[in-house]
């Protein structure tokens, strides 16, 4: 044990001081449980065109830069969407509203539909040669793939934003504690 490891400094407690909390059997389990406390916006990332269109539900979408508009997205390297995205080098992030719960479930694979079958909802716009996008998404962010960085079971995507469209102000869909939720609107009263 390093010197001073038992001290509380800068608001960080030692493991000894946290012993009153239950210790999970593995770091993987503990990490999963900890991350369930991080509420995240839900998006559907669409890839491919025409008959090769696919996509996945993601909570791992964040802004990387505004000066050069770009986003970070994480995709499981075993996802059927990854090889399509890798070949096409383009993807679209569709930010979901609370009314898109069923779409989130479909693209998470919970409806038994795969690839192109997931676009049965009439709100998907599918122009020939273009990555599909959701007409009533909170926002649609089209990106060119700048870099793909493999790490562990996932690939970190850096996408340069080439187009942005807005679908209107509504309540976003968020994922928290293993389920979909919605943000309550703030009171306009002070």
Foldseek 3Di string as FASTA:
>chain_A
DDPPQCPQPPNDHHVVVVVVDDDDPDPVVVVVVVCLADKFFKKWKWFDADQQIAIAIFRAWDFDDDVQTKIKGKDFPPDPVVVRCVVVQKMKIFGAAPVCQVLNCLRNCNVVDGGPRSPPPPQWDHDGPDTIYGQQGQKMWIWGFPDWDDDDRIIMTMTGTDDMDGNDDHWTWMRHNHDIDTDDDDDPDD
